[in-house]
Amino acid sequence: MNGDTDRWRTDSGRVGAEINGDRVTATGLFGEHFRTYDTIWNGEDDTTVPYRNERPHDPPSQADRQQPDGTLGWAGYEVADDVTRHRLYGGGVCDHLRNAGPIVTENGLEVPRRRGCGCTTC
């Protein structure tokens, strides 16, 4: 259904779930088709197992999927910058874009960058 933007105009949910509690465990969490982040984790020492996410199918243009700071798209799963411990097992984020593109999402998952964490991306 190339060019279908009807749902984009009528389904205007911004964020799916925002978790603020500490030591929360979510099992079988799904978040799909929200305009910005589908899931935001603000709590400390939380765990998700598994997580499945699908981004919106029908944004009309890249401008509709761009953050104010210029970042292209929003991650499906975002861990707040001040969180120091969070676990995600079996996480997956995908896009299935049906409209004219290209429409880019820079990151499917976003986590805080920490100096000395031992990963290859910080």
PDB file of N, CA and C in Angstrom:
ATOM      1  N   MET A   1       0.837  -1.189   0.000  1.00  0.00           N
ATOM      2  CA  MET A   1       0.000   0.000   0.000  1.00  0.00           C
ATOM      3  C   MET A   1       0.877   1.244   0.000  1.00  0.00           C
ATOM      4  N   ASN A   2       1.700   1.373  -0.997  1.00  0.00           N
ATOM      5  CA  ASN A   2       2.603   2.498  -1.126  1.00  0.00           C
ATOM      6  C   ASN A   2       1.812   3.809  -1.160  1.00  0.00           C
ATOM      7  N   GLY A   3       2.260   4.797  -0.391  1.00  0.00           N
ATOM      8  CA  GLY A   3       1.621   6.096  -0.384  1.00  0.00           C
ATOM      9  C   GLY A   3       0.466   6.227   0.595  1.00  0.00           C
ATOM     10  N   ASP A   4       0.227   5.246   1.437  1.00  0.00           N
ATOM     11  CA  ASP A   4      -0.864   5.274   2.404  1.00  0.00           C
ATOM     12  C   ASP A   4      -0.419   6.037   3.648  1.00  0.00           C
ATOM     13  N   THR A   5      -0.946   7.234   3.842  1.00  0.00           N
ATOM     14  CA  THR A   5      -0.600   8.022   5.028  1.00  0.00           C
ATOM     15  C   THR A   5      -1.804   8.263   5.926  1.00  0.00           C
ATOM     16  N   ASP A   6      -2.911   7.591   5.673  1.00  0.00           N
ATOM     17  CA  ASP A   6      -4.122   7.807   6.471  1.00  0.00           C
ATOM     18  C   ASP A   6      -3.882   7.553   7.952  1.00  0.00           C
ATOM     19  N   ARG A   7      -3.228   6.445   8.286  1.00  0.00           N
ATOM     20  CA  ARG A   7      -2.985   6.143   9.700  1.00  0.00           C
ATOM     21  C   ARG A   7      -2.023   7.133  10.326  1.00  0.00           C
ATOM     22  N   TRP A   8      -1.073   7.632   9.570  1.00  0.00           N
ATOM     23  CA  TRP A   8      -0.148   8.631  10.111  1.00  0.00           C
ATOM     24  C   TRP A   8      -0.913   9.879  10.535  1.00  0.00           C
ATOM     25  N   ARG A   9      -1.909  10.254   9.755  1.00  0.00           N
ATOM     26  CA  ARG A   9      -2.688  11.454  10.075  1.00  0.00           C
ATOM     27  C   ARG A   9      -3.655  11.234  11.229  1.00  0.00           C
ATOM     28  N   THR A  10      -4.128  10.004  11.437  1.00  0.00           N
ATOM     29  CA  THR A  10      -5.142   9.766  12.472  1.00  0.00           C
ATOM     30  C   THR A  10      -4.606   9.103  13.737  1.00  0.00           C
ATOM     31  N   ASP A  11      -3.545   8.311  13.642  1.00  0.00           N
ATOM     32  CA  ASP A  11      -2.961   7.641  14.811  1.00  0.00           C
ATOM     33  C   ASP A  11      -1.823   8.496  15.335  1.00  0.00           C
ATOM     34  N   SER A  12      -2.100   9.307  16.335  1.00  0.00           N
ATOM     35  CA  SER A  12      -1.135  10.331  16.733  1.00  0.00           C
ATOM     36  C   SER A  12      -0.467  10.062  18.085  1.00  0.00           C
ATOM     37  N   GLY A  13      -0.463   8.807  18.561  1.00  0.00           N
ATOM     38  CA  GLY A  13       0.202   8.496  19.824  1.00  0.00           C
ATOM     39  C   GLY A  13       1.690   8.805  19.740  1.00  0.00           C
ATOM     40  N   ARG A  14       2.222   9.527  20.729  1.00  0.00           N
ATOM     41  CA  ARG A  14       3.620   9.970  20.696  1.00  0.00           C
ATOM     42  C   ARG A  14       4.572   8.937  21.292  1.00  0.00           C
ATOM     43  N   VAL A  15       4.262   8.377  22.480  1.00  0.00           N
ATOM     44  CA  VAL A  15       5.130   7.432  23.187  1.00  0.00           C
ATOM     45  C   VAL A  15       4.277   6.262  23.641  1.00  0.00           C
ATOM     46  N   GLY A  16       4.801   5.047  23.486  1.00  0.00           N
ATOM     47  CA  GLY A  16       4.051   3.860  23.889  1.00  0.00           C
ATOM     48  C   GLY A  16       4.074   3.631  25.382  1.00  0.00           C
ATOM     49  N   ALA A  17       5.253   3.424  25.955  1.00  0.00           N
ATOM     50  CA  ALA A  17       5.382   3.161  27.400  1.00  0.00           C
ATOM     51  C   ALA A  17       6.579   3.926  27.923  1.00  0.00           C
ATOM     52  N   GLU A  18       6.399   4.533  29.098  1.00  0.00           N
ATOM     53  CA  GLU A  18       7.497   5.201  29.783  1.00  0.00           C
ATOM     54  C   GLU A  18       7.577   4.601  31.177  1.00  0.00           C
ATOM     55  N   ILE A  19       8.687   3.934  31.461  1.00  0.00           N
ATOM     56  CA  ILE A  19       8.846   3.224  32.722  1.00  0.00           C
ATOM     57  C   ILE A  19       9.767   4.039  33.619  1.00  0.00           C
ATOM     58  N   ASN A  20       9.258   4.404  34.795  1.00  0.00           N
ATOM     59  CA  ASN A  20       9.993   5.264  35.714  1.00  0.00           C
ATOM     60  C   ASN A  20      10.416   4.561  36.998  1.00  0.00           C
ATOM     61  N   GLY A  21       9.953   3.354  37.240  1.00  0.00           N
ATOM     62  CA  GLY A  21      10.268   2.651  38.483  1.00  0.00           C
ATOM     63  C   GLY A  21      11.619   1.965  38.446  1.00  0.00           C
ATOM     64  N   ASP A  22      12.200   1.773  39.616  1.00  0.00           N
ATOM     65  CA  ASP A  22      13.466   1.061  39.748  1.00  0.00           C
ATOM     66  C   ASP A  22      13.211  -0.421  40.003  1.00  0.00           C
ATOM     67  N   ARG A  23      14.151  -1.265  39.522  1.00  0.00           N
ATOM     68  CA  ARG A  23      14.095  -2.722  39.686  1.00  0.00           C
ATOM     69  C   ARG A  23      12.814  -3.316  39.097  1.00  0.00           C
ATOM     70  N   VAL A  24      12.416  -2.808  37.940  1.00  0.00           N
ATOM     71  CA  VAL A  24      11.247  -3.312  37.210  1.00  0.00           C
ATOM     72  C   VAL A  24      11.706  -4.412  36.257  1.00  0.00           C
ATOM     73  N   THR A  25      10.932  -5.496  36.176  1.00  0.00           N
ATOM     74  CA  THR A  25      11.182  -6.537  35.183  1.00  0.00           C
ATOM     75  C   THR A  25       9.964  -6.645  34.288  1.00  0.00           C
ATOM     76  N   ALA A  26      10.191  -6.495  32.996  1.00  0.00           N
ATOM     77  CA  ALA A  26       9.113  -6.624  32.012  1.00  0.00           C
ATOM     78  C   ALA A  26       9.381  -7.882  31.206  1.00  0.00           C
ATOM     79  N   THR A  27       8.380  -8.746  31.107  1.00  0.00           N
ATOM     80  CA  THR A  27       8.522  -9.962  30.311  1.00  0.00           C
ATOM     81  C   THR A  27       7.518  -9.918  29.170  1.00  0.00           C
ATOM     82  N   GLY A  28       8.021 -10.155  27.963  1.00  0.00           N
ATOM     83  CA  GLY A  28       7.146 -10.143  26.790  1.00  0.00           C
ATOM     84  C   GLY A  28       6.629  -8.766  26.459  1.00  0.00           C
ATOM     85  N   LEU A  29       7.494  -7.764  26.437  1.00  0.00           N
ATOM     86  CA  LEU A  29       7.085  -6.384  26.170  1.00  0.00           C
ATOM     87  C   LEU A  29       7.100  -6.112  24.671  1.00  0.00           C
ATOM     88  N   PHE A  30       5.997  -5.566  24.182  1.00  0.00           N
ATOM     89  CA  PHE A  30       5.854  -5.177  22.784  1.00  0.00           C
ATOM     90  C   PHE A  30       5.465  -3.703  22.747  1.00  0.00           C
ATOM     91  N   GLY A  31       6.083  -2.938  21.864  1.00  0.00           N
ATOM     92  CA  GLY A  31       5.717  -1.546  21.667  1.00  0.00           C
ATOM     93  C   GLY A  31       5.775  -1.249  20.184  1.00  0.00           C
ATOM     94  N   GLU A  32       4.684  -0.745  19.625  1.00  0.00           N
ATOM     95  CA  GLU A  32       4.671  -0.605  18.167  1.00  0.00           C
ATOM     96  C   GLU A  32       3.949   0.644  17.689  1.00  0.00           C
ATOM     97  N   HIS A  33       4.512   1.247  16.651  1.00  0.00           N
ATOM     98  CA  HIS A  33       3.879   2.241  15.787  1.00  0.00           C
ATOM     99  C   HIS A  33       3.630   3.599  16.433  1.00  0.00           C
ATOM    100  N   PHE A  34       4.425   4.014  17.408  1.00  0.00           N
ATOM    101  CA  PHE A  34       4.254   5.336  17.998  1.00  0.00           C
ATOM    102  C   PHE A  34       5.127   6.354  17.270  1.00  0.00           C
ATOM    103  N   ARG A  35       4.757   7.611  17.346  1.00  0.00           N
ATOM    104  CA  ARG A  35       5.407   8.666  16.566  1.00  0.00           C
ATOM    105  C   ARG A  35       6.854   8.924  16.980  1.00  0.00           C
ATOM    106  N   THR A  36       7.146   8.862  18.282  1.00  0.00           N
ATOM    107  CA  THR A  36       8.521   9.104  18.730  1.00  0.00           C
ATOM    108  C   THR A  36       9.056   7.781  19.286  1.00  0.00           C
ATOM    109  N   TYR A  37       9.434   7.752  20.549  1.00  0.00           N
ATOM    110  CA  TYR A  37       9.944   6.517  21.145  1.00  0.00           C
ATOM    111  C   TYR A  37       8.776   5.589  21.475  1.00  0.00           C
ATOM    112  N   ASP A  38       8.933   4.319  21.169  1.00  0.00           N
ATOM    113  CA  ASP A  38       7.905   3.354  21.557  1.00  0.00           C
ATOM    114  C   ASP A  38       8.031   2.997  23.031  1.00  0.00           C
ATOM    115  N   THR A  39       9.255   2.926  23.526  1.00  0.00           N
ATOM    116  CA  THR A  39       9.489   2.598  24.934  1.00  0.00           C
ATOM    117  C   THR A  39      10.638   3.443  25.454  1.00  0.00           C
ATOM    118  N   ILE A  40      10.433   4.070  26.613  1.00  0.00           N
ATOM    119  CA  ILE A  40      11.460   4.873  27.278  1.00  0.00           C
ATOM    120  C   ILE A  40      11.655   4.307  28.681  1.00  0.00           C
ATOM    121  N   TRP A  41      12.897   3.971  29.032  1.00  0.00           N
ATOM    122  CA  TRP A  41      13.228   3.468  30.373  1.00  0.00           C
ATOM    123  C   TRP A  41      13.959   4.548  31.138  1.00  0.00           C
ATOM    124  N   ASN A  42      13.380   4.975  32.259  1.00  0.00           N
ATOM    125  CA  ASN A  42      14.006   5.954  33.143  1.00  0.00           C
ATOM    126  C   ASN A  42      14.428   5.324  34.456  1.00  0.00           C
ATOM    127  N   GLY A  43      13.971   4.117  34.748  1.00  0.00           N
ATOM    128  CA  GLY A  43      14.266   3.463  36.022  1.00  0.00           C
ATOM    129  C   GLY A  43      15.652   2.852  36.059  1.00  0.00           C
ATOM    130  N   GLU A  44      16.137   2.659  37.253  1.00  0.00           N
ATOM    131  CA  GLU A  44      17.467   2.096  37.489  1.00  0.00           C
ATOM    132  C   GLU A  44      17.361   0.609  37.796  1.00  0.00           C
ATOM    133  N   ASP A  45      18.293  -0.157  37.248  1.00  0.00           N
ATOM    134  CA  ASP A  45      18.418  -1.593  37.518  1.00  0.00           C
ATOM    135  C   ASP A  45      17.189  -2.369  37.031  1.00  0.00           C
ATOM    136  N   ASP A  46      16.720  -2.037  35.839  1.00  0.00           N
ATOM    137  CA  ASP A  46      15.548  -2.685  35.246  1.00  0.00           C
ATOM    138  C   ASP A  46      15.975  -3.746  34.236  1.00  0.00           C
ATOM    139  N   THR A  47      15.041  -4.650  33.919  1.00  0.00           N
ATOM    140  CA  THR A  47      15.299  -5.741  32.978  1.00  0.00           C
ATOM    141  C   THR A  47      14.099  -5.922  32.062  1.00  0.00           C
ATOM    142  N   THR A  48      14.373  -6.136  30.786  1.00  0.00           N
ATOM    143  CA  THR A  48      13.338  -6.479  29.816  1.00  0.00           C
ATOM    144  C   THR A  48      13.757  -7.758  29.110  1.00  0.00           C
ATOM    145  N   VAL A  49      12.813  -8.708  28.999  1.00  0.00           N
ATOM    146  CA  VAL A  49      13.087  -9.958  28.303  1.00  0.00           C
ATOM    147  C   VAL A  49      11.780 -10.545  27.784  1.00  0.00           C
ATOM    148  N   PRO A  50      11.573 -10.760  26.538  1.00  0.00           N
ATOM    149  CA  PRO A  50      12.199 -10.108  25.392  1.00  0.00           C
ATOM    150  C   PRO A  50      11.470  -8.815  25.082  1.00  0.00           C
ATOM    151  N   TYR A  51      11.959  -8.117  24.069  1.00  0.00           N
ATOM    152  CA  TYR A  51      11.322  -6.886  23.596  1.00  0.00           C
ATOM    153  C   TYR A  51      11.184  -6.962  22.089  1.00  0.00           C
ATOM    154  N   ARG A  52      10.006  -6.617  21.599  1.00  0.00           N
ATOM    155  CA  ARG A  52       9.763  -6.594  20.168  1.00  0.00           C
ATOM    156  C   ARG A  52       9.142  -5.262  19.797  1.00  0.00           C
ATOM    157  N   ASN A  53       9.668  -4.659  18.742  1.00  0.00           N
ATOM    158  CA  ASN A  53       9.213  -3.337  18.346  1.00  0.00           C
ATOM    159  C   ASN A  53       9.183  -3.215  16.835  1.00  0.00           C
ATOM    160  N   GLU A  54       8.150  -2.565  16.357  1.00  0.00           N
ATOM    161  CA  GLU A  54       8.050  -2.222  14.945  1.00  0.00           C
ATOM    162  C   GLU A  54       7.702  -0.744  14.874  1.00  0.00           C
ATOM    163  N   ARG A  55       8.481  -0.012  14.124  1.00  0.00           N
ATOM    164  CA  ARG A  55       8.300   1.434  13.982  1.00  0.00           C
ATOM    165  C   ARG A  55       7.102   1.716  13.074  1.00  0.00           C
ATOM    166  N   PRO A  56       6.627   2.963  13.003  1.00  0.00           N
ATOM    167  CA  PRO A  56       5.482   3.280  12.150  1.00  0.00           C
ATOM    168  C   PRO A  56       5.721   2.916  10.684  1.00  0.00           C
ATOM    169  N   HIS A  57       4.703   2.389  10.036  1.00  0.00           N
ATOM    170  CA  HIS A  57       4.806   1.982   8.636  1.00  0.00           C
ATOM    171  C   HIS A  57       4.693   3.141   7.655  1.00  0.00           C
ATOM    172  N   ASP A  58       4.020   4.202   8.035  1.00  0.00           N
ATOM    173  CA  ASP A  58       3.549   5.122   7.015  1.00  0.00           C
ATOM    174  C   ASP A  58       3.845   6.608   7.247  1.00  0.00           C
ATOM    175  N   PRO A  59       5.059   6.972   7.747  1.00  0.00           N
ATOM    176  CA  PRO A  59       5.336   8.408   7.798  1.00  0.00           C
ATOM    177  C   PRO A  59       5.398   8.964   6.376  1.00  0.00           C
ATOM    178  N   PRO A  60       4.817  10.128   6.146  1.00  0.00           N
ATOM    179  CA  PRO A  60       4.800  10.687   4.799  1.00  0.00           C
ATOM    180  C   PRO A  60       6.178  11.067   4.261  1.00  0.00           C
ATOM    181  N   SER A  61       7.104  11.476   5.167  1.00  0.00           N
ATOM    182  CA  SER A  61       8.413  11.933   4.701  1.00  0.00           C
ATOM    183  C   SER A  61       9.427  11.824   5.833  1.00  0.00           C
ATOM    184  N   GLN A  62      10.698  12.014   5.498  1.00  0.00           N
ATOM    185  CA  GLN A  62      11.752  12.020   6.524  1.00  0.00           C
ATOM    186  C   GLN A  62      11.521  13.150   7.510  1.00  0.00           C
ATOM    187  N   ALA A  63      11.028  14.281   7.053  1.00  0.00           N
ATOM    188  CA  ALA A  63      10.774  15.414   7.951  1.00  0.00           C
ATOM    189  C   ALA A  63       9.797  15.040   9.063  1.00  0.00           C
ATOM    190  N   ASP A  64       8.878  14.123   8.790  1.00  0.00           N
ATOM    191  CA  ASP A  64       7.930  13.668   9.804  1.00  0.00           C
ATOM    192  C   ASP A  64       8.578  12.708  10.801  1.00  0.00           C
ATOM    193  N   ARG A  65       9.749  12.194  10.488  1.00  0.00           N
ATOM    194  CA  ARG A  65      10.473  11.236  11.343  1.00  0.00           C
ATOM    195  C   ARG A  65      11.829  11.788  11.751  1.00  0.00           C
ATOM    196  N   GLN A  66      11.906  13.101  11.939  1.00  0.00           N
ATOM    197  CA  GLN A  66      13.172  13.711  12.323  1.00  0.00           C
ATOM    198  C   GLN A  66      13.005  14.458  13.630  1.00  0.00           C
ATOM    199  N   GLN A  67      13.954  14.255  14.550  1.00  0.00           N
ATOM    200  CA  GLN A  67      13.919  14.927  15.845  1.00  0.00           C
ATOM    201  C   GLN A  67      14.317  16.389  15.698  1.00  0.00           C
ATOM    202  N   PRO A  68      13.911  17.244  16.634  1.00  0.00           N
ATOM    203  CA  PRO A  68      14.262  18.662  16.547  1.00  0.00           C
ATOM    204  C   PRO A  68      15.769  18.929  16.448  1.00  0.00           C
ATOM    205  N   ASP A  69      16.601  18.034  17.031  1.00  0.00           N
ATOM    206  CA  ASP A  69      18.053  18.239  16.966  1.00  0.00           C
ATOM    207  C   ASP A  69      18.669  17.736  15.661  1.00  0.00           C
ATOM    208  N   GLY A  70      17.839  17.225  14.737  1.00  0.00           N
ATOM    209  CA  GLY A  70      18.317  16.745  13.459  1.00  0.00           C
ATOM    210  C   GLY A  70      18.526  15.243  13.379  1.00  0.00           C
ATOM    211  N   THR A  71      18.424  14.526  14.504  1.00  0.00           N
ATOM    212  CA  THR A  71      18.560  13.072  14.484  1.00  0.00           C
ATOM    213  C   THR A  71      17.461  12.491  13.612  1.00  0.00           C
ATOM    214  N   LEU A  72      17.827  11.558  12.751  1.00  0.00           N
ATOM    215  CA  LEU A  72      16.862  10.946  11.842  1.00  0.00           C
ATOM    216  C   LEU A  72      16.118   9.822  12.561  1.00  0.00           C
ATOM    217  N   GLY A  73      14.845  10.013  12.778  1.00  0.00           N
ATOM    218  CA  GLY A  73      14.005   9.018  13.435  1.00  0.00           C
ATOM    219  C   GLY A  73      14.207   8.974  14.941  1.00  0.00           C
ATOM    220  N   TRP A  74      13.406   8.122  15.569  1.00  0.00           N
ATOM    221  CA  TRP A  74      13.497   7.877  17.002  1.00  0.00           C
ATOM    222  C   TRP A  74      13.733   6.388  17.203  1.00  0.00           C
ATOM    223  N   ALA A  75      14.499   6.050  18.220  1.00  0.00           N
ATOM    224  CA  ALA A  75      14.728   4.641  18.534  1.00  0.00           C
ATOM    225  C   ALA A  75      13.434   4.017  19.046  1.00  0.00           C
ATOM    226  N   GLY A  76      13.297   2.721  18.830  1.00  0.00           N
ATOM    227  CA  GLY A  76      12.144   2.009  19.368  1.00  0.00           C
ATOM    228  C   GLY A  76      12.255   1.802  20.866  1.00  0.00           C
ATOM    229  N   TYR A  77      13.484   1.764  21.386  1.00  0.00           N
ATOM    230  CA  TYR A  77      13.753   1.469  22.798  1.00  0.00           C
ATOM    231  C   TYR A  77      14.840   2.431  23.244  1.00  0.00           C
ATOM    232  N   GLU A  78      14.535   3.263  24.230  1.00  0.00           N
ATOM    233  CA  GLU A  78      15.469   4.284  24.664  1.00  0.00           C
ATOM    234  C   GLU A  78      15.672   4.183  26.169  1.00  0.00           C
ATOM    235  N   VAL A  79      16.932   4.113  26.591  1.00  0.00           N
ATOM    236  CA  VAL A  79      17.289   4.114  28.006  1.00  0.00           C
ATOM    237  C   VAL A  79      17.830   5.504  28.327  1.00  0.00           C
ATOM    238  N   ALA A  80      17.267   6.146  29.351  1.00  0.00           N
ATOM    239  CA  ALA A  80      17.618   7.529  29.685  1.00  0.00           C
ATOM    240  C   ALA A  80      19.099   7.677  30.012  1.00  0.00           C
ATOM    241  N   ASP A  81      19.625   8.856  29.738  1.00  0.00           N
ATOM    242  CA  ASP A  81      21.049   9.128  29.923  1.00  0.00           C
ATOM    243  C   ASP A  81      21.541   8.940  31.354  1.00  0.00           C
ATOM    244  N   ASP A  82      20.677   9.146  32.346  1.00  0.00           N
ATOM    245  CA  ASP A  82      21.134   9.037  33.730  1.00  0.00           C
ATOM    246  C   ASP A  82      21.027   7.614  34.305  1.00  0.00           C
ATOM    247  N   VAL A  83      20.546   6.656  33.519  1.00  0.00           N
ATOM    248  CA  VAL A  83      20.461   5.270  33.971  1.00  0.00           C
ATOM    249  C   VAL A  83      21.849   4.641  33.877  1.00  0.00           C
ATOM    250  N   THR A  84      22.285   3.980  34.952  1.00  0.00           N
ATOM    251  CA  THR A  84      23.617   3.365  34.960  1.00  0.00           C
ATOM    252  C   THR A  84      23.569   1.843  34.823  1.00  0.00           C
ATOM    253  N   ARG A  85      22.410   1.229  35.095  1.00  0.00           N
ATOM    254  CA  ARG A  85      22.310  -0.235  34.977  1.00  0.00           C
ATOM    255  C   ARG A  85      20.946  -0.600  34.395  1.00  0.00           C
ATOM    256  N   HIS A  86      20.993  -1.297  33.259  1.00  0.00           N
ATOM    257  CA  HIS A  86      19.774  -1.743  32.583  1.00  0.00           C
ATOM    258  C   HIS A  86      20.122  -2.980  31.766  1.00  0.00           C
ATOM    259  N   ARG A  87      19.216  -3.948  31.743  1.00  0.00           N
ATOM    260  CA  ARG A  87      19.442  -5.175  30.971  1.00  0.00           C
ATOM    261  C   ARG A  87      18.305  -5.386  29.978  1.00  0.00           C
ATOM    262  N   LEU A  88      18.680  -5.751  28.749  1.00  0.00           N
ATOM    263  CA  LEU A  88      17.716  -6.090  27.706  1.00  0.00           C
ATOM    264  C   LEU A  88      18.178  -7.392  27.071  1.00  0.00           C
ATOM    265  N   TYR A  89      17.316  -8.386  27.088  1.00  0.00           N
ATOM    266  CA  TYR A  89      17.606  -9.679  26.476  1.00  0.00           C
ATOM    267  C   TYR A  89      16.576  -9.930  25.379  1.00  0.00           C
ATOM    268  N   GLY A  90      17.055 -10.341  24.209  1.00  0.00           N
ATOM    269  CA  GLY A  90      16.142 -10.655  23.117  1.00  0.00           C
ATOM    270  C   GLY A  90      15.419  -9.439  22.581  1.00  0.00           C
ATOM    271  N   GLY A  91      16.139  -8.325  22.446  1.00  0.00           N
ATOM    272  CA  GLY A  91      15.535  -7.102  21.944  1.00  0.00           C
ATOM    273  C   GLY A  91      15.611  -7.009  20.429  1.00  0.00           C
ATOM    274  N   GLY A  92      14.532  -6.578  19.807  1.00  0.00           N
ATOM    275  CA  GLY A  92      14.520  -6.404  18.369  1.00  0.00           C
ATOM    276  C   GLY A  92      13.658  -5.232  17.957  1.00  0.00           C
ATOM    277  N   VAL A  93      14.173  -4.408  17.055  1.00  0.00           N
ATOM    278  CA  VAL A  93      13.470  -3.240  16.526  1.00  0.00           C
ATOM    279  C   VAL A  93      13.563  -3.306  15.005  1.00  0.00           C
ATOM    280  N   CYS A  94      12.434  -3.120  14.331  1.00  0.00           N
ATOM    281  CA  CYS A  94      12.472  -3.157  12.870  1.00  0.00           C
ATOM    282  C   CYS A  94      11.601  -2.057  12.278  1.00  0.00           C
ATOM    283  N   ASP A  95      11.909  -1.731  11.037  1.00  0.00           N
ATOM    284  CA  ASP A  95      11.126  -0.789  10.240  1.00  0.00           C
ATOM    285  C   ASP A  95      10.592  -1.524   9.024  1.00  0.00           C
ATOM    286  N   HIS A  96       9.369  -1.242   8.670  1.00  0.00           N
ATOM    287  CA  HIS A  96       8.783  -1.713   7.414  1.00  0.00           C
ATOM    288  C   HIS A  96       8.076  -0.506   6.807  1.00  0.00           C
ATOM    289  N   LEU A  97       8.832   0.275   6.054  1.00  0.00           N
ATOM    290  CA  LEU A  97       8.321   1.543   5.534  1.00  0.00           C
ATOM    291  C   LEU A  97       7.692   1.322   4.173  1.00  0.00           C
ATOM    292  N   ARG A  98       6.450   1.782   4.045  1.00  0.00           N
ATOM    293  CA  ARG A  98       5.697   1.543   2.812  1.00  0.00           C
ATOM    294  C   ARG A  98       5.599   2.747   1.908  1.00  0.00           C
ATOM    295  N   ASN A  99       5.983   3.904   2.372  1.00  0.00           N
ATOM    296  CA  ASN A  99       5.838   5.105   1.558  1.00  0.00           C
ATOM    297  C   ASN A  99       7.140   5.436   0.848  1.00  0.00           C
ATOM    298  N   ALA A 100       7.067   6.413  -0.028  1.00  0.00           N
ATOM    299  CA  ALA A 100       8.250   6.825  -0.774  1.00  0.00           C
ATOM    300  C   ALA A 100       9.355   7.194   0.192  1.00  0.00           C
ATOM    301  N   GLY A 101      10.548   6.847  -0.116  1.00  0.00           N
ATOM    302  CA  GLY A 101      11.663   7.080   0.784  1.00  0.00           C
ATOM    303  C   GLY A 101      12.779   7.802   0.072  1.00  0.00           C
ATOM    304  N   PRO A 102      13.953   7.702   0.588  1.00  0.00           N
ATOM    305  CA  PRO A 102      14.245   6.894   1.767  1.00  0.00           C
ATOM    306  C   PRO A 102      13.883   7.626   3.055  1.00  0.00           C
ATOM    307  N   ILE A 103      13.409   6.876   4.015  1.00  0.00           N
ATOM    308  CA  ILE A 103      13.168   7.375   5.364  1.00  0.00           C
ATOM    309  C   ILE A 103      14.089   6.579   6.271  1.00  0.00           C
ATOM    310  N   VAL A 104      14.958   7.283   6.993  1.00  0.00           N
ATOM    311  CA  VAL A 104      16.019   6.662   7.769  1.00  0.00           C
ATOM    312  C   VAL A 104      15.747   6.808   9.260  1.00  0.00           C
ATOM    313  N   THR A 105      16.054   5.746  10.002  1.00  0.00           N
ATOM    314  CA  THR A 105      16.087   5.797  11.459  1.00  0.00           C
ATOM    315  C   THR A 105      17.516   5.483  11.866  1.00  0.00           C
ATOM    316  N   GLU A 106      18.183   6.434  12.538  1.00  0.00           N
ATOM    317  CA  GLU A 106      19.599   6.271  12.872  1.00  0.00           C
ATOM    318  C   GLU A 106      19.856   5.137  13.853  1.00  0.00           C
ATOM    319  N   ASN A 107      18.985   4.959  14.851  1.00  0.00           N
ATOM    320  CA  ASN A 107      19.220   3.973  15.898  1.00  0.00           C
ATOM    321  C   ASN A 107      17.933   3.245  16.255  1.00  0.00           C
ATOM    322  N   GLY A 108      17.991   1.931  16.309  1.00  0.00           N
ATOM    323  CA  GLY A 108      16.849   1.160  16.780  1.00  0.00           C
ATOM    324  C   GLY A 108      16.779   1.138  18.293  1.00  0.00           C
ATOM    325  N   LEU A 109      17.952   1.101  18.928  1.00  0.00           N
ATOM    326  CA  LEU A 109      18.083   1.090  20.386  1.00  0.00           C
ATOM    327  C   LEU A 109      19.017   2.224  20.779  1.00  0.00           C
ATOM    328  N   GLU A 110      18.696   2.931  21.855  1.00  0.00           N
ATOM    329  CA  GLU A 110      19.574   3.994  22.350  1.00  0.00           C
ATOM    330  C   GLU A 110      19.849   3.758  23.824  1.00  0.00           C
ATOM    331  N   VAL A 111      21.111   3.767  24.173  1.00  0.00           N
ATOM    332  CA  VAL A 111      21.541   3.604  25.569  1.00  0.00           C
ATOM    333  C   VAL A 111      22.560   4.685  25.890  1.00  0.00           C
ATOM    334  N   PRO A 112      22.725   5.004  27.165  1.00  0.00           N
ATOM    335  CA  PRO A 112      23.706   6.034  27.525  1.00  0.00           C
ATOM    336  C   PRO A 112      25.132   5.597  27.166  1.00  0.00           C
ATOM    337  N   ARG A 113      25.934   6.530  26.760  1.00  0.00           N
ATOM    338  CA  ARG A 113      27.354   6.262  26.518  1.00  0.00           C
ATOM    339  C   ARG A 113      28.104   6.523  27.815  1.00  0.00           C
ATOM    340  N   ARG A 114      28.932   5.567  28.201  1.00  0.00           N
ATOM    341  CA  ARG A 114      29.691   5.672  29.444  1.00  0.00           C
ATOM    342  C   ARG A 114      31.179   5.472  29.164  1.00  0.00           C
ATOM    343  N   ARG A 115      31.992   6.345  29.690  1.00  0.00           N
ATOM    344  CA  ARG A 115      33.445   6.169  29.577  1.00  0.00           C
ATOM    345  C   ARG A 115      33.867   4.955  30.358  1.00  0.00           C
ATOM    346  N   GLY A 116      34.742   4.162  29.742  1.00  0.00           N
ATOM    347  CA  GLY A 116      35.306   3.024  30.430  1.00  0.00           C
ATOM    348  C   GLY A 116      34.370   1.852  30.620  1.00  0.00           C
ATOM    349  N   CYS A 117      33.282   1.815  29.856  1.00  0.00           N
ATOM    350  CA  CYS A 117      32.312   0.721  30.043  1.00  0.00           C
ATOM    351  C   CYS A 117      32.792  -0.581  29.428  1.00  0.00           C
ATOM    352  N   GLY A 118      33.790  -0.521  28.542  1.00  0.00           N
ATOM    353  CA  GLY A 118      34.321  -1.734  27.937  1.00  0.00           C
ATOM    354  C   GLY A 118      33.715  -2.079  26.586  1.00  0.00           C
ATOM    355  N   CYS A 119      32.678  -1.353  26.152  1.00  0.00           N
ATOM    356  CA  CYS A 119      32.109  -1.661  24.836  1.00  0.00           C
ATOM    357  C   CYS A 119      32.910  -0.945  23.750  1.00  0.00           C
ATOM    358  N   THR A 120      32.630  -1.239  22.529  1.00  0.00           N
ATOM    359  CA  THR A 120      33.391  -0.662  21.417  1.00  0.00           C
ATOM    360  C   THR A 120      32.767   0.613  20.878  1.00  0.00           C
ATOM    361  N   THR A 121      31.630   1.070  21.426  1.00  0.00           N
ATOM    362  CA  THR A 121      30.963   2.241  20.860  1.00  0.00           C
ATOM    363  C   THR A 121      30.983   3.465  21.762  1.00  0.00           C
ATOM    364  N   CYS A 122      31.420   3.353  22.994  1.00  0.00           N
ATOM    365  CA  CYS A 122      31.415   4.514  23.908  1.00  0.00           C
ATOM    366  C   CYS A 122      32.653   5.370  23.755  1.00  0.00           C
TER     367      CYS A 122
END
